[in-house]
């Protein structure tokens, strides 16, 4: 794809978002399920491609992986594994758990339609649906410890210093 094709693809979206700012607000979702005795979880990823591409709200086809979706998938994956590990350490039986992440992104910022609109997620929500014989108090402690020890959750909660470098033509 060249710049002209990309501009042509995004132009109607940009116009739409300029005329109707609310239409640029997209909520993305990810989900993981914890079942069985393994310390792991199953992510619902409905794409077979391993290519990253634009989200449909930015002109993508929906066939490629969107990095926003991948971020949410990393969050539910990490939270699911952490939940199961912490439950195991606490002796809590988890019959089934569903972990859902939602994130709101205003594509006016991403597409440069409105310079005051943020680029990136403006809100993230993590939900746990747990089937367990554990008490409410035990589940409360389980969630508290899951949040504490989930690497992705903590990274998003307190972002680390971030930098970017460029190496041209393969230079180190």
Foldseek 3Di string as FASTA:
>chain_A
DDPVVLCVLQVVLLVCCLVPVVVQKDKDKWKWKDADLDLFIHTDDPAPDAAEDDDVSSRDPPNHHHVLNVLQNLQNGLLSSLLSVLCVVVVWDWHMKMKMKMFIARCCCVNVSDVVGDGDTPDMDIDMDTDTPDDPVVVVVSNVRSCVPRPSNVCVVPPDDDDDDDDPPPHD
